[in-house]
């Protein structure tokens, strides 16, 4: 589902029709974050380590945040929106770290999607 959603998100964004970038990026990041959380939990049991504290839902939240920050270069406002949506500030540090790292990684390779469209106009 995650790989299919990733490629369809790229395809629909490239079509030039109003299909959106916000929700598909959040969904794709959430899927990949959840997969990472589930793999940590599963392989922790295989190795004999207790990863019972791993919450795959938190990894999905951080993954969604990082994917949208990397695609759209939305930084502090995105992290604050996600913190307000969860109603808990305990996730603040992982969310801010994911946003900053995703933005820096994206900036290293190219400009953000919205910046590229502004330059085209």
C-alpha atoms as a PDB file:
ATOM      1  CA  UNK A   1       0.000   0.000   0.000  1.00  0.00           C
ATOM      2  CA  UNK A   2       2.776   2.411   0.905  1.00  0.00           C
ATOM      3  CA  UNK A   3       4.743   2.015  -2.308  1.00  0.00           C
ATOM      4  CA  UNK A   4       1.583   2.174  -4.424  1.00  0.00           C
ATOM      5  CA  UNK A   5       0.482   5.316  -2.603  1.00  0.00           C
ATOM      6  CA  UNK A   6       3.924   6.895  -2.996  1.00  0.00           C
ATOM      7  CA  UNK A   7       3.986   6.388  -6.751  1.00  0.00           C
ATOM      8  CA  UNK A   8       0.375   7.460  -7.259  1.00  0.00           C
ATOM      9  CA  UNK A   9       1.050  10.592  -5.195  1.00  0.00           C
ATOM     10  CA  UNK A  10       4.007  11.446  -7.424  1.00  0.00           C
ATOM     11  CA  UNK A  11       1.953  10.692 -10.521  1.00  0.00           C
ATOM     12  CA  UNK A  12      -1.079  12.761  -9.510  1.00  0.00           C
ATOM     13  CA  UNK A  13       1.107  15.667  -8.478  1.00  0.00           C
ATOM     14  CA  UNK A  14       2.803  15.624 -11.858  1.00  0.00           C
ATOM     15  CA  UNK A  15      -0.491  15.610 -13.744  1.00  0.00           C
ATOM     16  CA  UNK A  16      -1.176  19.278 -13.217  1.00  0.00           C
ATOM     17  CA  UNK A  17      -4.709  18.754 -11.912  1.00  0.00           C
ATOM     18  CA  UNK A  18      -5.740  19.905  -8.424  1.00  0.00           C
ATOM     19  CA  UNK A  19      -5.193  16.647  -6.562  1.00  0.00           C
ATOM     20  CA  UNK A  20      -3.291  18.082  -3.639  1.00  0.00           C
ATOM     21  CA  UNK A  21       0.062  17.526  -2.040  1.00  0.00           C
ATOM     22  CA  UNK A  22      -0.819  17.892   1.631  1.00  0.00           C
ATOM     23  CA  UNK A  23      -2.932  14.801   2.316  1.00  0.00           C
ATOM     24  CA  UNK A  24      -1.087  12.372  -0.010  1.00  0.00           C
ATOM     25  CA  UNK A  25       2.246  13.355   1.570  1.00  0.00           C
ATOM     26  CA  UNK A  26       0.844  12.907   5.065  1.00  0.00           C
ATOM     27  CA  UNK A  27      -0.612   9.509   4.174  1.00  0.00           C
ATOM     28  CA  UNK A  28       2.562   8.259   2.497  1.00  0.00           C
ATOM     29  CA  UNK A  29       4.747   9.375   5.393  1.00  0.00           C
ATOM     30  CA  UNK A  30       2.379   7.831   7.909  1.00  0.00           C
ATOM     31  CA  UNK A  31       2.470   4.499   6.086  1.00  0.00           C
ATOM     32  CA  UNK A  32       6.267   4.390   5.945  1.00  0.00           C
ATOM     33  CA  UNK A  33       6.584   5.570   9.552  1.00  0.00           C
ATOM     34  CA  UNK A  34       4.181   2.868  10.693  1.00  0.00           C
ATOM     35  CA  UNK A  35       6.181   0.257   8.787  1.00  0.00           C
ATOM     36  CA  UNK A  36       9.374   1.376  10.565  1.00  0.00           C
ATOM     37  CA  UNK A  37       7.629   1.191  13.949  1.00  0.00           C
ATOM     38  CA  UNK A  38       6.237  -2.272  13.255  1.00  0.00           C
ATOM     39  CA  UNK A  39       9.630  -3.526  12.035  1.00  0.00           C
ATOM     40  CA  UNK A  40      11.335  -2.222  15.175  1.00  0.00           C
ATOM     41  CA  UNK A  41       8.779  -3.944  17.343  1.00  0.00           C
ATOM     42  CA  UNK A  42       8.970  -7.222  15.385  1.00  0.00           C
ATOM     43  CA  UNK A  43      12.750  -7.481  15.058  1.00  0.00           C
ATOM     44  CA  UNK A  44      13.250  -6.407  18.644  1.00  0.00           C
ATOM     45  CA  UNK A  45      11.364  -9.522  19.705  1.00  0.00           C
ATOM     46  CA  UNK A  46      13.393 -11.663  17.279  1.00  0.00           C
ATOM     47  CA  UNK A  47      16.702 -10.459  18.704  1.00  0.00           C
ATOM     48  CA  UNK A  48      15.479 -10.817  22.261  1.00  0.00           C
ATOM     49  CA  UNK A  49      15.326  -7.134  23.082  1.00  0.00           C
ATOM     50  CA  UNK A  50      12.209  -5.732  24.640  1.00  0.00           C
ATOM     51  CA  UNK A  51      10.867  -3.079  22.296  1.00  0.00           C
ATOM     52  CA  UNK A  52       7.462  -3.121  23.943  1.00  0.00           C
ATOM     53  CA  UNK A  53       7.792   0.644  24.441  1.00  0.00           C
ATOM     54  CA  UNK A  54       7.829   1.199  20.665  1.00  0.00           C
ATOM     55  CA  UNK A  55       4.574   2.792  19.566  1.00  0.00           C
ATOM     56  CA  UNK A  56       4.075   2.361  15.794  1.00  0.00           C
ATOM     57  CA  UNK A  57       1.443   5.105  15.865  1.00  0.00           C
ATOM     58  CA  UNK A  58       4.047   7.603  17.041  1.00  0.00           C
ATOM     59  CA  UNK A  59       6.354   6.522  14.227  1.00  0.00           C
ATOM     60  CA  UNK A  60       3.455   7.059  11.796  1.00  0.00           C
ATOM     61  CA  UNK A  61       2.940  10.567  13.166  1.00  0.00           C
ATOM     62  CA  UNK A  62       6.623  11.456  12.874  1.00  0.00           C
ATOM     63  CA  UNK A  63       6.815   9.876   9.402  1.00  0.00           C
ATOM     64  CA  UNK A  64       3.847  11.885   8.150  1.00  0.00           C
ATOM     65  CA  UNK A  65       5.374  15.030   9.556  1.00  0.00           C
ATOM     66  CA  UNK A  66       8.771  14.331   7.991  1.00  0.00           C
ATOM     67  CA  UNK A  67       7.359  13.445   4.564  1.00  0.00           C
ATOM     68  CA  UNK A  68       5.359  16.637   4.280  1.00  0.00           C
ATOM     69  CA  UNK A  69       8.257  18.723   5.594  1.00  0.00           C
ATOM     70  CA  UNK A  70      10.568  17.158   3.039  1.00  0.00           C
ATOM     71  CA  UNK A  71       8.190  17.623   0.110  1.00  0.00           C
ATOM     72  CA  UNK A  72       6.798  21.049   0.819  1.00  0.00           C
ATOM     73  CA  UNK A  73       9.511  22.502   3.069  1.00  0.00           C
ATOM     74  CA  UNK A  74       6.865  23.414   5.621  1.00  0.00           C
ATOM     75  CA  UNK A  75       8.744  23.646   8.910  1.00  0.00           C
ATOM     76  CA  UNK A  76       7.745  25.057  12.270  1.00  0.00           C
ATOM     77  CA  UNK A  77       4.108  25.678  11.390  1.00  0.00           C
ATOM     78  CA  UNK A  78       3.691  22.044  10.337  1.00  0.00           C
ATOM     79  CA  UNK A  79       5.130  20.753  13.595  1.00  0.00           C
ATOM     80  CA  UNK A  80       2.875  23.072  15.587  1.00  0.00           C
ATOM     81  CA  UNK A  81      -0.211  21.977  13.631  1.00  0.00           C
ATOM     82  CA  UNK A  82       0.581  18.309  14.308  1.00  0.00           C
ATOM     83  CA  UNK A  83       1.235  19.010  18.006  1.00  0.00           C
ATOM     84  CA  UNK A  84      -2.090  20.832  18.285  1.00  0.00           C
ATOM     85  CA  UNK A  85      -3.874  18.039  16.423  1.00  0.00           C
ATOM     86  CA  UNK A  86      -2.577  15.431  18.864  1.00  0.00           C
ATOM     87  CA  UNK A  87      -3.365  17.565  21.895  1.00  0.00           C
ATOM     88  CA  UNK A  88      -0.102  16.614  23.575  1.00  0.00           C
ATOM     89  CA  UNK A  89       3.177  18.463  23.624  1.00  0.00           C
ATOM     90  CA  UNK A  90       5.134  15.359  24.634  1.00  0.00           C
ATOM     91  CA  UNK A  91       5.724  14.563  20.955  1.00  0.00           C
ATOM     92  CA  UNK A  92       7.274  17.972  20.310  1.00  0.00           C
ATOM     93  CA  UNK A  93      10.940  16.997  20.248  1.00  0.00           C
ATOM     94  CA  UNK A  94      10.647  14.083  17.778  1.00  0.00           C
ATOM     95  CA  UNK A  95       8.351  16.128  15.548  1.00  0.00           C
ATOM     96  CA  UNK A  96      10.649  19.158  15.458  1.00  0.00           C
ATOM     97  CA  UNK A  97      13.696  16.962  14.875  1.00  0.00           C
ATOM     98  CA  UNK A  98      11.976  15.162  11.999  1.00  0.00           C
ATOM     99  CA  UNK A  99      10.939  18.464  10.407  1.00  0.00           C
ATOM    100  CA  UNK A 100      14.409  19.973  10.617  1.00  0.00           C
ATOM    101  CA  UNK A 101      16.199  16.868   9.344  1.00  0.00           C
ATOM    102  CA  UNK A 102      13.708  16.397   6.490  1.00  0.00           C
ATOM    103  CA  UNK A 103      14.022  20.032   5.457  1.00  0.00           C
ATOM    104  CA  UNK A 104      17.818  19.970   5.535  1.00  0.00           C
ATOM    105  CA  UNK A 105      17.881  16.726   3.561  1.00  0.00           C
ATOM    106  CA  UNK A 106      15.468  18.092   0.981  1.00  0.00           C
ATOM    107  CA  UNK A 107      17.352  21.380   0.703  1.00  0.00           C
ATOM    108  CA  UNK A 108      20.570  19.478   0.074  1.00  0.00           C
ATOM    109  CA  UNK A 109      19.123  17.845  -3.054  1.00  0.00           C
ATOM    110  CA  UNK A 110      16.870  20.526  -4.566  1.00  0.00           C
ATOM    111  CA  UNK A 111      14.362  23.289  -3.859  1.00  0.00           C
ATOM    112  CA  UNK A 112      10.932  22.631  -2.420  1.00  0.00           C
ATOM    113  CA  UNK A 113       7.996  21.828  -4.680  1.00  0.00           C
ATOM    114  CA  UNK A 114       6.301  25.150  -4.050  1.00  0.00           C
ATOM    115  CA  UNK A 115       9.539  27.057  -4.694  1.00  0.00           C
ATOM    116  CA  UNK A 116       9.976  25.258  -8.001  1.00  0.00           C
ATOM    117  CA  UNK A 117       6.483  26.317  -9.089  1.00  0.00           C
ATOM    118  CA  UNK A 118       7.121  29.936  -8.146  1.00  0.00           C
ATOM    119  CA  UNK A 119      10.300  29.948 -10.216  1.00  0.00           C
ATOM    120  CA  UNK A 120       8.417  28.481 -13.213  1.00  0.00           C
ATOM    121  CA  UNK A 121       5.877  31.293 -13.129  1.00  0.00           C
END
